Amino acid sequence: MRIWSGRLCRFAAKSARRGYRGRIDRQGWSGAAIHVPPLAALVGLRIHTAFVTLSPLAPQGIQSISPAMTITIAP
């Protein structure tokens, strides 16, 4: 098990979130990207993510929530 320093985790999280949102097109598709800094220390790190779709007509503004997904950073 790896021990991650708080500074490294904050740096990786901040870098990964850039551009991590999207808009749904007319066919109902969207995409997002996770920008991983080129640091060997991040290999093997698991990132857990999920997405929501928002709508002003939905209860509390949330139309749907995706299942969670786990991504493992590879070299």
N, C-alpha and C. Protein backbone atom coordinates (compact mmCIF):
# COMPACT_ATOMS: atom_id res chain seq x y z
N MET A 1 0.84 -1.18 0.00
CA MET A 1 0.00 0.00 0.00
C MET A 1 0.89 1.24 0.00
N ARG A 2 0.55 2.19 -0.84
CA ARG A 2 1.34 3.42 -0.92
C ARG A 2 0.78 4.47 0.02
N ILE A 3 1.67 5.26 0.55
CA ILE A 3 1.28 6.41 1.36
C ILE A 3 1.45 7.64 0.48
N TRP A 4 0.40 8.40 0.28
CA TRP A 4 0.45 9.59 -0.57
C TRP A 4 0.56 10.82 0.31
N SER A 5 1.48 11.70 -0.04
CA SER A 5 1.60 12.94 0.72
C SER A 5 0.42 13.83 0.37
N GLY A 6 -0.01 14.63 1.31
CA GLY A 6 -1.11 15.55 1.08
C GLY A 6 -0.83 16.51 -0.06
N ARG A 7 0.40 16.98 -0.17
CA ARG A 7 0.76 17.93 -1.23
C ARG A 7 0.66 17.26 -2.60
N LEU A 8 1.16 16.04 -2.76
CA LEU A 8 1.08 15.34 -4.03
C LEU A 8 -0.37 15.06 -4.41
N CYS A 9 -1.18 14.64 -3.46
CA CYS A 9 -2.59 14.36 -3.74
C CYS A 9 -3.33 15.62 -4.17
N ARG A 10 -3.09 16.74 -3.50
CA ARG A 10 -3.76 18.00 -3.86
C ARG A 10 -3.33 18.45 -5.25
N PHE A 11 -2.03 18.31 -5.58
CA PHE A 11 -1.53 18.69 -6.89
C PHE A 11 -2.19 17.83 -7.97
N ALA A 12 -2.22 16.53 -7.77
CA ALA A 12 -2.80 15.62 -8.76
C ALA A 12 -4.29 15.88 -8.93
N ALA A 13 -4.99 16.10 -7.84
CA ALA A 13 -6.44 16.35 -7.91
C ALA A 13 -6.73 17.65 -8.64
N LYS A 14 -5.97 18.69 -8.35
CA LYS A 14 -6.19 19.97 -9.01
C LYS A 14 -5.90 19.87 -10.50
N SER A 15 -4.84 19.19 -10.88
CA SER A 15 -4.47 19.02 -12.28
C SER A 15 -5.51 18.19 -13.02
N ALA A 16 -6.02 17.15 -12.39
CA ALA A 16 -6.96 16.25 -13.03
C ALA A 16 -8.31 16.92 -13.32
N ARG A 17 -8.72 17.85 -12.49
CA ARG A 17 -10.05 18.46 -12.64
C ARG A 17 -10.14 19.48 -13.76
N ARG A 18 -9.03 19.97 -14.30
CA ARG A 18 -9.09 20.95 -15.39
C ARG A 18 -9.88 20.37 -16.55
N GLY A 19 -10.92 21.04 -16.97
CA GLY A 19 -11.71 20.59 -18.11
C GLY A 19 -12.57 19.38 -17.83
N TYR A 20 -12.75 19.04 -16.57
CA TYR A 20 -13.49 17.83 -16.19
C TYR A 20 -14.98 18.13 -16.09
N ARG A 21 -15.54 18.58 -17.20
CA ARG A 21 -16.97 18.80 -17.30
C ARG A 21 -17.31 18.85 -18.78
N GLY A 22 -18.56 18.74 -19.08
CA GLY A 22 -18.95 18.75 -20.48
C GLY A 22 -20.40 19.13 -20.63
N ARG A 23 -20.82 19.15 -21.86
CA ARG A 23 -22.22 19.42 -22.19
C ARG A 23 -22.73 18.27 -23.06
N ILE A 24 -23.98 17.95 -22.89
CA ILE A 24 -24.59 16.87 -23.66
C ILE A 24 -24.99 17.42 -25.03
N ASP A 25 -24.63 16.66 -26.08
CA ASP A 25 -24.98 17.10 -27.43
C ASP A 25 -26.41 16.68 -27.77
N ARG A 26 -26.84 16.95 -28.98
CA ARG A 26 -28.23 16.65 -29.38
C ARG A 26 -28.54 15.16 -29.39
N GLN A 27 -27.51 14.34 -29.52
CA GLN A 27 -27.72 12.89 -29.50
C GLN A 27 -27.66 12.32 -28.08
N GLY A 28 -27.42 13.16 -27.09
CA GLY A 28 -27.36 12.72 -25.71
C GLY A 28 -26.00 12.23 -25.26
N TRP A 29 -24.94 12.58 -25.99
CA TRP A 29 -23.59 12.15 -25.65
C TRP A 29 -22.77 13.31 -25.10
N SER A 30 -21.82 12.96 -24.25
CA SER A 30 -20.89 13.94 -23.72
C SER A 30 -19.60 13.22 -23.38
N GLY A 31 -18.57 13.95 -23.08
CA GLY A 31 -17.30 13.35 -22.69
C GLY A 31 -16.58 14.24 -21.71
N ALA A 32 -15.65 13.65 -21.02
CA ALA A 32 -14.82 14.39 -20.08
C ALA A 32 -13.42 13.79 -20.14
N ALA A 33 -12.44 14.56 -19.76
CA ALA A 33 -11.06 14.09 -19.76
C ALA A 33 -10.44 14.31 -18.39
N ILE A 34 -9.61 13.39 -18.00
CA ILE A 34 -8.85 13.53 -16.77
C ILE A 34 -7.41 13.77 -17.20
N HIS A 35 -6.87 14.91 -16.84
CA HIS A 35 -5.49 15.27 -17.18
C HIS A 35 -4.58 14.84 -16.04
N VAL A 36 -3.79 13.82 -16.28
CA VAL A 36 -2.90 13.27 -15.25
C VAL A 36 -1.50 13.83 -15.48
N PRO A 37 -0.94 14.50 -14.48
CA PRO A 37 0.42 15.01 -14.64
C PRO A 37 1.40 13.84 -14.79
N PRO A 38 2.46 14.01 -15.56
CA PRO A 38 3.41 12.92 -15.82
C PRO A 38 4.34 12.67 -14.63
N LEU A 39 3.78 12.14 -13.58
CA LEU A 39 4.56 11.84 -12.37
C LEU A 39 4.52 10.34 -12.11
N ALA A 40 5.67 9.72 -12.06
CA ALA A 40 5.74 8.28 -11.83
C ALA A 40 5.08 7.88 -10.52
N ALA A 41 5.08 8.76 -9.55
CA ALA A 41 4.48 8.46 -8.25
C ALA A 41 2.98 8.23 -8.33
N LEU A 42 2.34 8.67 -9.42
CA LEU A 42 0.89 8.52 -9.57
C LEU A 42 0.49 7.18 -10.18
N VAL A 43 1.44 6.43 -10.75
CA VAL A 43 1.12 5.14 -11.35
C VAL A 43 0.55 4.22 -10.28
N GLY A 44 -0.59 3.61 -10.59
CA GLY A 44 -1.26 2.72 -9.65
C GLY A 44 -2.32 3.43 -8.82
N LEU A 45 -2.34 4.75 -8.86
CA LEU A 45 -3.35 5.50 -8.11
C LEU A 45 -4.72 5.23 -8.69
N ARG A 46 -5.70 5.00 -7.85
CA ARG A 46 -7.06 4.77 -8.32
C ARG A 46 -7.88 6.05 -8.13
N ILE A 47 -8.61 6.43 -9.17
CA ILE A 47 -9.47 7.60 -9.13
C ILE A 47 -10.90 7.10 -9.24
N HIS A 48 -11.74 7.54 -8.32
CA HIS A 48 -13.15 7.16 -8.34
C HIS A 48 -13.94 8.36 -8.84
N THR A 49 -14.85 8.13 -9.77
CA THR A 49 -15.58 9.23 -10.38
C THR A 49 -17.02 8.83 -10.67
N ALA A 50 -17.85 9.82 -10.85
CA ALA A 50 -19.24 9.65 -11.29
C ALA A 50 -19.66 10.97 -11.92
N PHE A 51 -20.76 10.96 -12.62
CA PHE A 51 -21.24 12.16 -13.30
C PHE A 51 -22.69 12.42 -12.95
N VAL A 52 -23.07 13.66 -13.05
CA VAL A 52 -24.48 14.03 -12.88
C VAL A 52 -24.91 14.84 -14.09
N THR A 53 -26.20 14.77 -14.40
CA THR A 53 -26.76 15.67 -15.39
C THR A 53 -27.70 16.60 -14.65
N LEU A 54 -27.62 17.86 -14.98
CA LEU A 54 -28.40 18.88 -14.30
C LEU A 54 -29.52 19.39 -15.20
N SER A 55 -30.63 19.72 -14.60
CA SER A 55 -31.75 20.27 -15.33
C SER A 55 -32.56 21.16 -14.39
N PRO A 56 -32.89 22.37 -14.81
CA PRO A 56 -33.69 23.23 -13.95
C PRO A 56 -35.09 22.68 -13.73
N LEU A 57 -35.52 21.73 -14.55
CA LEU A 57 -36.86 21.15 -14.40
C LEU A 57 -36.88 19.94 -13.48
N ALA A 58 -35.72 19.40 -13.15
CA ALA A 58 -35.64 18.21 -12.30
C ALA A 58 -35.73 18.59 -10.83
N PRO A 59 -36.19 17.66 -9.99
CA PRO A 59 -36.21 17.93 -8.54
C PRO A 59 -34.81 18.29 -8.04
N GLN A 60 -34.69 19.38 -7.37
CA GLN A 60 -33.44 19.90 -6.80
C GLN A 60 -32.37 20.11 -7.88
N GLY A 61 -32.77 20.17 -9.16
CA GLY A 61 -31.85 20.47 -10.24
C GLY A 61 -31.02 19.31 -10.76
N ILE A 62 -31.13 18.13 -10.16
CA ILE A 62 -30.34 16.96 -10.58
C ILE A 62 -31.24 16.01 -11.35
N GLN A 63 -30.92 15.82 -12.64
CA GLN A 63 -31.74 14.94 -13.47
C GLN A 63 -31.35 13.48 -13.33
N SER A 64 -30.05 13.19 -13.33
CA SER A 64 -29.60 11.80 -13.19
C SER A 64 -28.19 11.76 -12.62
N ILE A 65 -27.86 10.60 -12.05
CA ILE A 65 -26.52 10.36 -11.48
C ILE A 65 -26.02 9.05 -12.06
N SER A 66 -24.79 9.06 -12.58
CA SER A 66 -24.22 7.84 -13.17
C SER A 66 -23.76 6.88 -12.08
N PRO A 67 -23.55 5.62 -12.46
CA PRO A 67 -22.89 4.71 -11.52
C PRO A 67 -21.44 5.17 -11.32
N ALA A 68 -20.87 4.83 -10.19
CA ALA A 68 -19.47 5.16 -9.92
C ALA A 68 -18.57 4.31 -10.80
N MET A 69 -17.40 4.87 -11.11
CA MET A 69 -16.41 4.18 -11.95
C MET A 69 -15.04 4.38 -11.32
N THR A 70 -14.22 3.35 -11.37
CA THR A 70 -12.86 3.44 -10.85
C THR A 70 -11.88 3.35 -12.01
N ILE A 71 -10.93 4.29 -12.03
CA ILE A 71 -9.90 4.34 -13.06
C ILE A 71 -8.55 4.19 -12.36
N THR A 72 -7.70 3.29 -12.86
CA THR A 72 -6.36 3.13 -12.29
C THR A 72 -5.35 3.71 -13.27
N ILE A 73 -4.48 4.58 -12.77
CA ILE A 73 -3.47 5.21 -13.61
C ILE A 73 -2.39 4.18 -13.94
N ALA A 74 -2.14 4.04 -15.25
CA ALA A 74 -1.13 3.10 -15.74
C ALA A 74 0.06 3.86 -16.27
N PRO A 75 1.23 3.20 -16.34
CA PRO A 75 2.41 3.90 -16.87
C PRO A 75 2.29 4.21 -18.36
